[in-house]
Amino acid sequence: MDDLTPLEEQLVQCVGDGGVLDLMDGQQAASEDEMSAWGADRSIRATVIRDILRGKLASDSDPRGIELRGARIDGYLDLRHIPAAVPLSLETCYLASGADFSYAELKSVDLSHCRIRGLVLRDTHVSGQLAASGATVSSAIGPALHADGLRVDGDLVLNDGFTATGVGATGTVRLLGAYVGGQLAMSGAMISNHTGPALHADGLHVDGELFLDDGFTAIGADEAGAVRLLSARVAGELAAPGATITNDTGPALYADGLQVGGELFLNDGFTASGAGATGAVRLPGARVGSQLDATGATISNDTGPALYADSLVVDSQLFLSDGFTAASGSRHAAIVLTGARVGGIFLDLTGVKHTSGRNGTLAVNGLVYAGLPEGPTVAEWLTALAHRTPSYSAQPYQQLAAATRAAGHDGDTRKVLMAQRRDQIDRRAVTAFPERTWAKATGILLGFGYQPWRALVYLLAVLAVAVTLAIVAGGHHGGLAHTTRTTSPNTACTTVEQIGVGIDLGLPLIKTNAREACTTTATRAGQIITAAGWALQALAWALATLFIAGFTGAVRKT
């Protein structure tokens, strides 16, 4: 190229000498309005940059490559299929026509604080770092940053005010199937799309950490979700404390099958607002190698679940506490943890609510955890299982019983199992009327087999009734009198004899033989004692039989 402008010749010279062409005059940044006003004195043609990277210009380039600040890049920067041997740095540059680096082999790329009308990085390979900190990337016809299949061996840095605005169902920032060998930093980034996903990163693979923190904001739309991380893999931690993700027409965070090797932080003011029956924050089938911390998070969904995490696996603790709020609308559960497996669970039940303010429901059938749930007491957890779950299920009770038994709390274990049986009856999981009636009776009389001593208490009550009846009806109303075998027949029985008759009526097997000397008369009171005695004898025998059955375990407990 023989028609280089003086500024372009200066750039070529800097590339050869290893210098920086800085046109910012000491400025650290420039607005898009300022950049759009830059004239020819700050303009470099996109074809010049392409030819430098191809080796057609500055054939003996310094290893530092292109280092350019504060320039206007005229024309579409087309680096497709370029095998660049040197780094490319276009800091605080204005690319009004956009850029396409698809299928290029680049050393490193720095687009920090640039203003770019569309950036394409499809199947691009960057052997070093790719940085666009503070950059603004926009498109009015599709994705702002289209980087499906991108491979960055170092860090991918899109933070410190990185802003991307796009349109359409394919997403604003697309990283489908992308690979990052180091960190993916999007701290403080702002990504928006009012007709589709903000961040679309299904199948993303990050060998380091993924940072969506420090004020990260994503605004998306549609059922595809605002931030999509389906089947994404992060070897280190995924940190999103304080992030804000919003979608008025679908999930906020759509992360089915997400794999995180370290911690997953959705805490310290993390806010997700979504809509729809599929949930605001979706983590079904996700796997977290350490802890999942959502302390202080706020998740809401007026038309469906707040947190949907069916079959989630967390190798360490799951923290849903310390100000954690999950609010759901309609008839959906606020938190869905069906089939989930966690090392331990910390849950603030007061934060699980309906968007109207009343208590929200929990779907925890199949949830398996180690130790006891932290936060709610056993009694509070039992209340939640009985009144805040969609339907009766035995597994949550059995899981809690196993936890209390392992902790050596045998009394709590019995309470849990009794509560399970009550819930089973109250929600008509026992449908047959005879079985339900029998279950209610054994619940009252035996504590469903876990408290057989109850039958003895009722038996003592029967005995007390029998003795009282014998004294009142027998002594005060003439219902008992001496037999002809005594020395004073037809005379009133003594109080001791009356008590003996009462014991004979109220206890099976045990007899005092008091009735040989004291029997019922033909009076109305005597007839009452006789009739009541039959009923008391039958009831006493039934209670004694129930006690033996409960004590020996013959009564089914669950």
Protein backbone atom coordinates (compact mmCIF):
# COMPACT_ATOMS: atom_id res chain seq x y z
CA MET A 1 0.00 0.00 0.00
CA ASP A 2 1.75 3.14 -1.28
CA ASP A 3 -0.86 5.78 -0.41
CA LEU A 4 -0.47 5.82 3.36
CA THR A 5 -1.42 8.98 5.19
CA PRO A 6 1.16 10.54 7.49
CA LEU A 7 -0.68 9.13 10.51
CA GLU A 8 -0.75 5.67 8.97
CA GLU A 9 2.96 5.90 8.17
CA GLN A 10 3.55 6.86 11.79
CA LEU A 11 1.63 3.77 12.92
CA VAL A 12 3.72 1.53 10.65
CA GLN A 13 6.86 3.12 12.06
CA CYS A 14 5.70 2.50 15.64
CA VAL A 15 4.94 -1.13 14.86
CA GLY A 16 8.43 -1.58 13.51
CA ASP A 17 10.05 0.23 16.42
CA GLY A 18 7.90 -1.26 19.18
CA GLY A 19 6.36 2.12 20.08
CA VAL A 20 2.87 3.25 21.02
CA LEU A 21 0.91 5.62 18.80
CA ASP A 22 -1.06 7.57 21.42
CA LEU A 23 -3.46 10.22 20.14
CA MET A 24 -5.25 10.81 23.44
CA ASP A 25 -3.12 13.76 24.57
CA GLY A 26 -3.16 12.54 28.15
CA GLN A 27 -6.90 11.75 28.18
CA GLN A 28 -7.86 8.48 29.83
CA ALA A 29 -11.17 8.01 28.00
CA ALA A 30 -13.52 9.58 25.45
CA SER A 31 -17.27 9.47 24.95
CA GLU A 32 -18.87 8.20 21.75
CA ASP A 33 -19.92 11.74 20.86
CA GLU A 34 -16.32 12.88 21.16
CA MET A 35 -15.09 9.96 19.11
CA SER A 36 -17.63 10.51 16.33
CA ALA A 37 -16.30 14.06 15.97
CA TRP A 38 -12.73 12.91 15.38
CA GLY A 39 -11.51 13.91 11.94
CA ALA A 40 -8.82 12.88 9.46
CA ASP A 41 -6.05 13.78 11.86
CA ARG A 42 -7.08 10.78 13.98
CA SER A 43 -8.26 8.39 11.27
CA ILE A 44 -6.60 5.17 10.21
CA ARG A 45 -8.08 2.90 7.59
CA ALA A 46 -9.08 -0.59 8.65
CA THR A 47 -7.23 -2.03 5.66
CA VAL A 48 -3.93 -0.62 6.99
CA ILE A 49 -4.34 -2.55 10.24
CA ARG A 50 -5.19 -5.68 8.30
CA ASP A 51 -2.12 -5.34 6.09
CA ILE A 52 0.15 -4.76 9.10
CA LEU A 53 -1.10 -7.98 10.71
CA ARG A 54 -0.67 -9.83 7.39
CA GLY A 55 2.95 -8.70 7.21
CA LYS A 56 2.46 -6.62 4.06
CA LEU A 57 3.36 -3.48 6.03
CA ALA A 58 6.03 -3.39 8.77
CA SER A 59 7.28 -6.79 7.74
CA ASP A 60 9.86 -6.71 10.53
CA SER A 61 7.35 -5.93 13.29
CA ASP A 62 8.42 -5.55 16.89
CA PRO A 63 7.00 -8.32 19.14
CA ARG A 64 4.85 -5.68 20.84
CA GLY A 65 2.78 -5.44 17.66
CA ILE A 66 0.15 -2.76 17.06
CA GLU A 67 -0.35 -0.41 20.01
CA LEU A 68 -2.76 2.34 19.05
CA ARG A 69 -4.73 4.71 21.31
CA GLY A 70 -7.40 7.23 20.50
CA ALA A 71 -7.81 6.62 16.77
CA ARG A 72 -10.79 6.48 14.47
CA ILE A 73 -10.77 3.26 12.43
CA ASP A 74 -12.33 4.00 9.07
CA GLY A 75 -14.09 1.13 7.35
CA TYR A 76 -14.98 -2.38 8.43
CA LEU A 77 -12.07 -4.01 10.26
CA ASP A 78 -12.02 -7.36 8.51
CA LEU A 79 -9.48 -9.72 10.04
CA ARG A 80 -11.18 -12.95 9.04
CA HIS A 81 -8.77 -15.87 8.68
CA ILE A 82 -5.76 -13.64 9.49
CA PRO A 83 -2.86 -15.55 11.09
CA ALA A 84 -1.38 -12.56 12.97
CA ALA A 85 2.13 -12.96 14.34
CA VAL A 86 1.97 -9.94 16.68
CA PRO A 87 -0.49 -8.60 19.29
CA LEU A 88 -3.23 -6.13 18.44
CA SER A 89 -4.07 -3.27 20.82
CA LEU A 90 -6.64 -0.65 19.77
CA GLU A 91 -7.31 1.02 23.09
CA THR A 92 -9.94 3.80 23.17
CA CYS A 93 -10.53 3.58 19.43
CA TYR A 94 -13.71 4.24 17.47
CA LEU A 95 -14.81 1.49 15.09
CA ALA A 96 -17.96 2.98 13.64
CA SER A 97 -18.30 0.25 10.99
CA GLY A 98 -17.58 -2.67 13.33
CA ALA A 99 -15.09 -5.50 13.14
CA ASP A 100 -14.96 -9.18 12.24
CA PHE A 101 -12.12 -11.39 13.52
CA SER A 102 -13.78 -14.71 12.65
CA TYR A 103 -11.43 -17.69 12.16
CA ALA A 104 -8.40 -15.50 12.83
CA GLU A 105 -5.32 -16.69 14.72
CA LEU A 106 -4.29 -13.82 16.97
CA LYS A 107 -1.62 -13.40 19.63
CA SER A 108 -3.56 -11.09 21.93
CA VAL A 109 -6.26 -8.47 21.47
CA ASP A 110 -6.94 -5.33 23.50
CA LEU A 111 -10.07 -3.34 22.65
CA SER A 112 -10.40 -1.63 26.02
CA HIS A 113 -12.58 1.50 26.07
CA CYS A 114 -13.32 1.19 22.36
CA ARG A 115 -16.67 2.06 20.77
CA ILE A 116 -17.56 -0.67 18.28
CA ARG A 117 -20.65 -1.04 16.09
CA GLY A 118 -20.74 -4.82 16.15
CA LEU A 119 -17.87 -7.21 16.91
CA VAL A 120 -17.68 -10.73 15.46
CA LEU A 121 -15.27 -13.30 16.89
CA ARG A 122 -16.69 -16.55 15.57
CA ASP A 123 -14.22 -19.41 15.93
CA THR A 124 -11.43 -16.92 16.55
CA HIS A 125 -8.34 -18.21 18.35
CA VAL A 126 -6.46 -15.84 20.66
CA SER A 127 -3.38 -17.46 22.13
CA GLY A 128 -2.99 -14.78 24.80
CA GLN A 129 -5.50 -12.44 26.43
CA LEU A 130 -8.53 -10.84 24.85
CA ALA A 131 -9.55 -7.65 26.65
CA ALA A 132 -12.36 -5.18 26.05
CA SER A 133 -12.56 -3.53 29.47
CA GLY A 134 -14.76 -0.45 29.44
CA ALA A 135 -15.63 -0.97 25.79
CA THR A 136 -19.04 -0.22 24.33
CA VAL A 137 -20.26 -2.65 21.69
CA SER A 138 -23.63 -2.20 20.04
CA SER A 139 -25.76 -3.44 17.20
CA ALA A 140 -29.21 -2.46 15.99
CA ILE A 141 -29.67 -5.57 13.85
CA GLY A 142 -28.44 -8.49 15.96
CA PRO A 143 -25.76 -9.50 18.48
CA ALA A 144 -23.34 -6.83 19.62
CA LEU A 145 -20.59 -9.38 20.34
CA HIS A 146 -20.90 -12.58 18.33
CA ALA A 147 -18.26 -15.02 19.58
CA ASP A 148 -19.57 -18.54 19.11
CA GLY A 149 -16.70 -21.00 19.16
CA LEU A 150 -14.21 -18.36 20.34
CA ARG A 151 -11.05 -19.80 21.88
CA VAL A 152 -8.99 -17.65 24.25
CA ASP A 153 -6.06 -19.44 25.83
CA GLY A 154 -5.57 -16.68 28.38
CA ASP A 155 -8.12 -14.41 30.07
CA LEU A 156 -11.22 -12.94 28.46
CA VAL A 157 -11.76 -9.56 30.10
CA LEU A 158 -15.08 -7.77 29.54
CA ASN A 159 -15.29 -5.73 32.73
CA ASP A 160 -14.90 -2.24 34.21
CA GLY A 161 -18.00 -0.83 32.56
CA PHE A 162 -18.05 -3.01 29.45
CA THR A 163 -21.39 -2.28 27.80
CA ALA A 164 -23.14 -4.29 25.12
CA THR A 165 -26.50 -3.54 23.51
CA GLY A 166 -28.07 -5.78 20.91
CA VAL A 167 -31.37 -7.11 19.63
CA GLY A 168 -32.92 -10.40 18.63
CA ALA A 169 -33.46 -13.91 19.91
CA THR A 170 -29.84 -14.94 19.38
CA GLY A 171 -28.57 -12.66 22.16
CA THR A 172 -26.49 -9.54 22.70
CA VAL A 173 -23.26 -11.21 23.83
CA ARG A 174 -22.94 -14.68 22.30
CA LEU A 175 -20.35 -17.12 23.65
CA LEU A 176 -21.89 -20.42 22.60
CA GLY A 177 -19.33 -23.20 22.83
CA ALA A 178 -16.58 -20.69 23.58
CA TYR A 179 -13.44 -21.70 25.49
CA VAL A 180 -11.48 -19.53 27.94
CA GLY A 181 -8.27 -20.98 29.30
CA GLY A 182 -7.98 -18.44 32.10
CA GLN A 183 -10.59 -16.20 33.71
CA LEU A 184 -13.70 -14.78 32.13
CA ALA A 185 -14.16 -11.43 33.87
CA MET A 186 -17.38 -9.51 33.30
CA SER A 187 -17.29 -7.57 36.54
CA GLY A 188 -19.33 -4.38 36.28
CA ALA A 189 -20.48 -5.19 32.74
CA MET A 190 -23.84 -3.98 31.47
CA ILE A 191 -25.57 -6.14 28.83
CA SER A 192 -29.05 -5.48 27.49
CA ASN A 193 -31.44 -6.91 24.94
CA HIS A 194 -35.16 -6.15 24.97
CA THR A 195 -36.04 -8.87 22.45
CA GLY A 196 -33.86 -11.81 23.53
CA PRO A 197 -31.07 -12.98 25.84
CA ALA A 198 -28.48 -10.55 27.14
CA LEU A 199 -25.70 -13.12 27.63
CA HIS A 200 -26.08 -16.31 25.58
CA ALA A 201 -23.31 -18.70 26.60
CA ASP A 202 -24.63 -22.25 26.30
CA GLY A 203 -21.78 -24.74 26.33
CA LEU A 204 -19.22 -22.16 27.48
CA HIS A 205 -16.06 -23.69 28.97
CA VAL A 206 -13.94 -21.65 31.38
CA ASP A 207 -10.84 -23.27 32.87
CA GLY A 208 -10.49 -20.51 35.47
CA GLU A 209 -13.11 -18.39 37.21
CA LEU A 210 -16.18 -16.65 35.83
CA PHE A 211 -16.89 -13.26 37.39
CA LEU A 212 -20.32 -11.65 37.02
CA ASP A 213 -19.89 -9.36 40.01
CA ASP A 214 -19.19 -5.76 40.97
CA GLY A 215 -22.50 -4.44 39.65
CA PHE A 216 -22.84 -6.80 36.69
CA THR A 217 -26.22 -6.11 35.07
CA ALA A 218 -28.07 -8.13 32.44
CA ILE A 219 -31.46 -7.20 31.01
CA GLY A 220 -33.04 -9.74 28.71
CA ALA A 221 -36.39 -10.80 27.35
CA ASP A 222 -38.26 -13.83 26.13
CA GLU A 223 -38.40 -17.42 27.40
CA ALA A 224 -34.78 -18.03 26.38
CA GLY A 225 -33.63 -16.21 29.54
CA ALA A 226 -31.60 -13.09 30.27
CA VAL A 227 -28.37 -14.95 31.12
CA ARG A 228 -28.06 -18.39 29.54
CA LEU A 229 -25.41 -20.82 30.78
CA LEU A 230 -26.93 -24.13 29.73
CA SER A 231 -24.40 -26.96 30.11
CA ALA A 232 -21.66 -24.40 30.67
CA ARG A 233 -18.53 -25.57 32.55
CA VAL A 234 -16.53 -23.41 34.93
CA ALA A 235 -13.55 -25.17 36.47
CA GLY A 236 -13.07 -22.60 39.22
CA GLU A 237 -15.64 -20.47 40.99
CA LEU A 238 -18.55 -18.64 39.45
CA ALA A 239 -19.00 -15.39 41.37
CA ALA A 240 -22.01 -13.13 40.89
CA PRO A 241 -22.38 -11.27 44.22
CA GLY A 242 -24.39 -8.10 43.79
CA ALA A 243 -25.33 -8.91 40.20
CA THR A 244 -28.71 -7.83 38.83
CA ILE A 245 -30.42 -9.98 36.21
CA THR A 246 -33.86 -9.05 34.89
CA ASN A 247 -36.31 -10.63 32.47
CA ASP A 248 -39.98 -9.67 32.46
CA THR A 249 -41.00 -12.46 30.08
CA GLY A 250 -38.87 -15.46 31.05
CA PRO A 251 -36.09 -16.77 33.31
CA ALA A 252 -33.47 -14.38 34.61
CA LEU A 253 -30.69 -16.98 34.97
CA TYR A 254 -31.13 -20.04 32.75
CA ALA A 255 -28.40 -22.49 33.79
CA ASP A 256 -29.69 -26.04 33.33
CA GLY A 257 -26.81 -28.50 33.55
CA LEU A 258 -24.28 -25.88 34.63
CA GLN A 259 -21.04 -27.41 36.00
CA VAL A 260 -19.03 -25.36 38.52
CA GLY A 261 -15.89 -26.92 39.95
CA GLY A 262 -15.55 -24.45 42.83
CA GLU A 263 -18.02 -22.19 44.63
CA LEU A 264 -21.11 -20.67 43.10
CA PHE A 265 -21.77 -17.26 44.64
CA LEU A 266 -25.22 -15.72 44.11
CA ASN A 267 -25.01 -13.63 47.25
CA ASP A 268 -24.50 -10.19 48.79
CA GLY A 269 -27.38 -8.48 47.06
CA PHE A 270 -27.63 -10.74 44.03
CA THR A 271 -31.00 -9.92 42.47
CA ALA A 272 -32.85 -11.95 39.87
CA SER A 273 -36.29 -11.06 38.60
CA GLY A 274 -37.94 -13.41 36.14
CA ALA A 275 -41.30 -14.59 34.90
CA GLY A 276 -43.00 -17.77 33.81
CA ALA A 277 -43.60 -21.30 35.02
CA THR A 278 -40.01 -22.43 34.37
CA GLY A 279 -38.56 -20.28 37.15
CA ALA A 280 -36.60 -17.06 37.67
CA VAL A 281 -33.29 -18.77 38.50
CA ARG A 282 -33.00 -22.18 36.88
CA LEU A 283 -30.37 -24.70 38.02
CA PRO A 284 -31.91 -28.12 37.25
CA GLY A 285 -29.25 -30.78 36.85
CA ALA A 286 -26.51 -28.31 37.78
CA ARG A 287 -23.42 -29.48 39.70
CA VAL A 288 -21.43 -27.34 42.15
CA GLY A 289 -18.17 -28.84 43.37
CA SER A 290 -18.05 -26.76 46.54
CA GLN A 291 -20.70 -24.54 48.15
CA LEU A 292 -23.58 -22.64 46.63
CA ASP A 293 -23.93 -19.40 48.56
CA ALA A 294 -27.09 -17.33 48.03
CA THR A 295 -27.06 -15.47 51.34
CA GLY A 296 -28.79 -12.13 51.03
CA ALA A 297 -30.01 -12.86 47.51
CA THR A 298 -33.42 -11.76 46.24
CA ILE A 299 -35.16 -13.90 43.63
CA SER A 300 -38.68 -13.15 42.47
CA ASN A 301 -41.18 -14.41 39.94
CA ASP A 302 -44.80 -13.23 39.88
CA THR A 303 -45.96 -16.09 37.66
CA GLY A 304 -43.87 -19.10 38.67
CA PRO A 305 -41.11 -20.48 40.90
CA ALA A 306 -38.35 -18.22 42.13
CA LEU A 307 -35.58 -20.84 42.36
CA TYR A 308 -36.03 -23.96 40.23
CA ALA A 309 -33.23 -26.43 41.03
CA ASP A 310 -34.56 -29.92 40.36
CA SER A 311 -31.78 -32.54 40.67
CA LEU A 312 -29.21 -29.91 41.66
CA VAL A 313 -26.01 -31.38 43.19
CA VAL A 314 -23.98 -29.30 45.64
CA ASP A 315 -21.02 -31.17 47.10
CA SER A 316 -20.73 -28.79 50.06
CA GLN A 317 -23.30 -26.54 51.73
CA LEU A 318 -26.28 -24.78 50.16
CA PHE A 319 -26.84 -21.40 51.81
CA LEU A 320 -30.31 -19.89 51.34
CA SER A 321 -30.20 -17.76 54.47
CA ASP A 322 -29.21 -14.46 56.10
CA GLY A 323 -31.70 -12.31 54.25
CA PHE A 324 -32.25 -14.67 51.34
CA THR A 325 -35.65 -14.02 49.75
CA ALA A 326 -37.48 -16.19 47.23
CA ALA A 327 -40.91 -14.91 46.23
CA SER A 328 -43.17 -16.76 43.84
CA GLY A 329 -46.56 -16.00 42.42
CA SER A 330 -49.58 -17.97 41.36
CA ARG A 331 -49.75 -21.51 42.73
CA HIS A 332 -46.11 -22.39 42.14
CA ALA A 333 -43.54 -23.29 44.78
CA ALA A 334 -41.11 -20.52 45.60
CA ILE A 335 -38.22 -22.99 45.81
CA VAL A 336 -38.05 -26.28 43.89
CA LEU A 337 -35.34 -28.66 45.15
CA THR A 338 -36.91 -31.95 44.12
CA GLY A 339 -34.32 -34.67 43.75
CA ALA A 340 -31.50 -32.34 44.79
CA ARG A 341 -28.43 -33.57 46.73
CA VAL A 342 -26.51 -31.15 48.94
CA GLY A 343 -23.85 -31.52 51.59
CA GLY A 344 -25.88 -29.43 54.03
CA ILE A 345 -28.71 -26.92 53.81
CA PHE A 346 -28.98 -23.52 55.46
CA LEU A 347 -32.44 -22.09 54.83
CA ASP A 348 -34.25 -19.01 56.12
CA LEU A 349 -37.90 -20.03 55.89
CA THR A 350 -39.10 -16.47 56.54
CA GLY A 351 -37.59 -15.44 53.21
CA VAL A 352 -39.59 -18.02 51.25
CA LYS A 353 -42.85 -16.32 50.44
CA HIS A 354 -45.55 -15.55 47.94
CA THR A 355 -45.32 -12.28 46.06
CA SER A 356 -48.49 -11.25 47.90
CA GLY A 357 -46.59 -11.53 51.18
CA ARG A 358 -47.96 -14.79 52.57
CA ASN A 359 -45.82 -17.88 53.09
CA GLY A 360 -44.48 -19.44 49.92
CA THR A 361 -44.26 -23.14 49.30
CA LEU A 362 -41.33 -25.53 49.04
CA ALA A 363 -40.96 -28.49 46.72
CA VAL A 364 -38.41 -30.72 48.45
CA ASN A 365 -39.47 -34.25 47.59
CA GLY A 366 -36.26 -36.21 46.99
CA LEU A 367 -34.01 -33.57 48.57
CA VAL A 368 -31.08 -35.33 50.26
CA TYR A 369 -28.74 -33.52 52.64
CA ALA A 370 -26.17 -34.28 55.33
CA GLY A 371 -26.83 -33.30 58.92
CA LEU A 372 -29.82 -31.31 60.11
CA PRO A 373 -31.23 -28.32 58.18
CA GLU A 374 -29.73 -25.16 59.64
CA GLY A 375 -31.96 -22.17 60.29
CA PRO A 376 -35.36 -23.69 61.04
CA THR A 377 -35.86 -25.82 64.13
CA VAL A 378 -37.12 -29.35 63.70
CA ALA A 379 -40.61 -28.13 64.66
CA GLU A 380 -40.47 -25.31 62.09
CA TRP A 381 -39.23 -27.68 59.39
CA LEU A 382 -42.08 -30.07 60.18
CA THR A 383 -44.58 -27.22 59.92
CA ALA A 384 -43.12 -26.30 56.55
CA LEU A 385 -43.35 -29.90 55.32
CA ALA A 386 -46.96 -30.19 56.46
CA HIS A 387 -48.26 -26.81 55.31
CA ARG A 388 -45.84 -25.39 52.73
CA THR A 389 -45.22 -28.30 50.38
CA PRO A 390 -47.42 -28.96 47.32
CA SER A 391 -48.50 -32.43 48.43
CA TYR A 392 -47.72 -35.20 50.88
CA SER A 393 -44.54 -37.16 50.31
CA ALA A 394 -42.82 -39.58 52.66
CA GLN A 395 -39.23 -38.87 51.58
CA PRO A 396 -38.77 -35.41 53.17
CA TYR A 397 -39.89 -36.80 56.51
CA GLN A 398 -37.73 -39.89 56.20
CA GLN A 399 -34.74 -37.71 55.31
CA LEU A 400 -35.30 -35.51 58.38
CA ALA A 401 -35.83 -38.56 60.57
CA ALA A 402 -32.55 -40.04 59.35
CA ALA A 403 -30.81 -36.74 60.16
CA THR A 404 -32.25 -36.50 63.69
CA ARG A 405 -31.47 -40.17 64.33
CA ALA A 406 -27.87 -39.70 63.18
CA ALA A 407 -27.60 -36.72 65.51
CA GLY A 408 -28.77 -38.86 68.42
CA HIS A 409 -32.07 -36.98 68.86
CA ASP A 410 -34.38 -39.96 69.29
CA GLY A 411 -37.21 -37.82 70.65
CA ASP A 412 -37.13 -35.61 67.58
CA THR A 413 -37.03 -38.68 65.37
CA ARG A 414 -40.30 -39.93 66.89
CA LYS A 415 -41.85 -36.48 66.43
CA VAL A 416 -40.83 -36.46 62.78
CA LEU A 417 -42.28 -39.89 62.06
CA MET A 418 -45.50 -39.07 63.89
CA ALA A 419 -45.78 -35.82 61.93
CA GLN A 420 -45.31 -37.79 58.71
CA ARG A 421 -48.23 -40.07 59.57
CA ARG A 422 -50.45 -37.10 60.49
CA ASP A 423 -49.63 -35.37 57.21
CA GLN A 424 -50.34 -38.57 55.31
CA ILE A 425 -53.77 -38.74 56.90
CA ASP A 426 -54.61 -35.03 56.76
CA ARG A 427 -53.80 -34.76 53.05
CA ARG A 428 -55.68 -37.98 52.36
CA ALA A 429 -52.70 -39.89 51.06
CA VAL A 430 -54.51 -42.70 52.91
CA THR A 431 -57.68 -42.80 50.85
CA ALA A 432 -59.64 -45.84 52.12
CA PHE A 433 -62.07 -44.81 54.86
CA PRO A 434 -61.47 -47.84 57.14
CA GLU A 435 -57.69 -47.45 56.91
CA ARG A 436 -57.88 -43.71 57.52
CA THR A 437 -60.18 -44.23 60.53
CA TRP A 438 -57.86 -46.86 61.96
CA ALA A 439 -54.86 -44.58 61.39
CA LYS A 440 -56.54 -41.71 63.22
CA ALA A 441 -57.43 -43.98 66.11
CA THR A 442 -53.91 -45.34 66.47
CA GLY A 443 -52.60 -41.81 66.26
CA ILE A 444 -54.70 -40.78 69.26
CA LEU A 445 -54.22 -43.95 71.27
CA LEU A 446 -50.66 -45.01 70.35
CA GLY A 447 -48.99 -42.03 68.70
CA PHE A 448 -49.05 -44.14 65.50
CA GLY A 449 -47.09 -46.82 67.33
CA TYR A 450 -44.28 -44.52 68.45
CA GLN A 451 -45.84 -43.76 71.87
CA PRO A 452 -47.58 -46.96 73.04
CA TRP A 453 -47.64 -45.59 76.58
CA ARG A 454 -50.59 -43.48 75.49
CA ALA A 455 -52.76 -46.61 75.62
CA LEU A 456 -51.79 -47.10 79.26
CA VAL A 457 -52.79 -43.50 80.03
CA TYR A 458 -56.19 -44.06 78.46
CA LEU A 459 -56.46 -47.38 80.31
CA LEU A 460 -55.86 -45.58 83.60
CA ALA A 461 -58.52 -43.09 82.56
CA VAL A 462 -60.97 -45.98 82.02
CA LEU A 463 -60.02 -47.33 85.45
CA ALA A 464 -60.68 -43.94 87.03
CA VAL A 465 -64.08 -43.76 85.35
CA ALA A 466 -64.92 -47.26 86.53
CA VAL A 467 -63.94 -46.54 90.14
CA THR A 468 -65.82 -43.22 90.10
CA LEU A 469 -68.89 -44.95 88.69
CA ALA A 470 -68.74 -47.64 91.39
CA ILE A 471 -68.46 -45.08 94.19
CA VAL A 472 -71.04 -42.60 92.89
CA ALA A 473 -73.66 -44.95 91.40
CA GLY A 474 -72.90 -47.83 93.75
CA GLY A 475 -72.48 -46.03 97.05
CA HIS A 476 -74.45 -42.80 96.79
CA HIS A 477 -77.35 -44.14 94.69
CA GLY A 478 -77.61 -47.70 95.98
CA GLY A 479 -76.35 -49.42 92.92
CA LEU A 480 -74.18 -51.86 94.94
CA ALA A 481 -75.07 -54.00 97.95
CA HIS A 482 -73.67 -56.96 99.91
CA THR A 483 -74.46 -60.40 98.56
CA THR A 484 -76.21 -63.19 100.49
CA ARG A 485 -72.83 -64.78 101.05
CA THR A 486 -71.91 -62.04 103.48
CA THR A 487 -72.97 -61.68 107.10
CA SER A 488 -75.00 -58.57 106.27
CA PRO A 489 -76.74 -59.15 102.91
CA ASN A 490 -78.49 -56.30 101.06
CA THR A 491 -76.64 -53.69 103.08
CA ALA A 492 -74.50 -50.94 101.51
CA CYS A 493 -70.98 -51.91 100.44
CA THR A 494 -68.00 -50.23 102.00
CA THR A 495 -65.96 -47.68 100.05
CA VAL A 496 -63.10 -50.15 99.75
CA GLU A 497 -65.46 -52.75 98.32
CA GLN A 498 -66.86 -50.18 95.87
CA ILE A 499 -63.32 -49.34 94.72
CA GLY A 500 -62.65 -53.06 94.25
CA VAL A 501 -65.75 -53.39 92.05
CA GLY A 502 -64.51 -50.40 90.01
CA ILE A 503 -61.09 -52.03 89.56
CA ASP A 504 -62.76 -55.25 88.40
CA LEU A 505 -64.77 -53.26 85.85
CA GLY A 506 -61.85 -51.12 84.60
CA LEU A 507 -58.95 -53.54 84.36
CA PRO A 508 -58.69 -56.68 82.28
CA LEU A 509 -57.10 -59.81 83.81
CA ILE A 510 -56.57 -58.19 87.24
CA LYS A 511 -59.44 -59.12 89.62
CA THR A 512 -59.97 -58.21 93.31
CA ASN A 513 -62.89 -60.65 93.84
CA ALA A 514 -64.77 -57.75 95.39
CA ARG A 515 -67.91 -58.73 93.48
CA GLU A 516 -68.24 -61.95 95.52
CA ALA A 517 -69.16 -59.73 98.46
CA CYS A 518 -70.57 -56.71 96.66
CA THR A 519 -72.80 -56.87 93.62
CA THR A 520 -75.18 -54.71 91.66
CA THR A 521 -78.74 -54.21 92.83
CA ALA A 522 -81.96 -54.24 90.81
CA THR A 523 -82.15 -50.48 91.03
CA ARG A 524 -81.66 -48.10 88.11
CA ALA A 525 -78.20 -47.26 89.45
CA GLY A 526 -77.33 -50.94 89.55
CA GLN A 527 -78.47 -51.41 85.96
CA ILE A 528 -76.30 -48.44 84.90
CA ILE A 529 -73.29 -50.00 86.62
CA THR A 530 -73.94 -53.32 84.86
CA ALA A 531 -74.35 -51.78 81.39
CA ALA A 532 -71.45 -49.39 81.80
CA GLY A 533 -69.32 -52.22 83.11
CA TRP A 534 -69.71 -54.16 79.88
CA ALA A 535 -68.59 -51.13 77.85
CA LEU A 536 -65.72 -50.39 80.23
CA GLN A 537 -64.54 -53.99 80.14
CA ALA A 538 -64.54 -53.99 76.33
CA LEU A 539 -62.70 -50.68 76.19
CA ALA A 540 -60.15 -51.81 78.76
CA TRP A 541 -59.45 -55.01 76.83
CA ALA A 542 -59.09 -53.00 73.58
CA LEU A 543 -56.64 -50.57 75.16
CA ALA A 544 -54.58 -53.34 76.71
CA THR A 545 -54.44 -55.12 73.34
CA LEU A 546 -53.41 -51.90 71.58
CA PHE A 547 -50.66 -51.30 74.12
CA ILE A 548 -49.22 -54.76 73.54
CA ALA A 549 -49.50 -54.33 69.77
CA GLY A 550 -47.82 -50.93 69.88
CA PHE A 551 -45.10 -52.09 72.25
CA THR A 552 -44.25 -55.09 70.11
CA GLY A 553 -44.41 -53.12 66.85
CA ALA A 554 -47.43 -54.94 65.50
CA VAL A 555 -49.11 -51.63 64.70
CA ARG A 556 -47.72 -50.29 61.40
CA LYS A 557 -45.85 -47.02 62.07
CA THR A 558 -45.53 -45.51 58.59
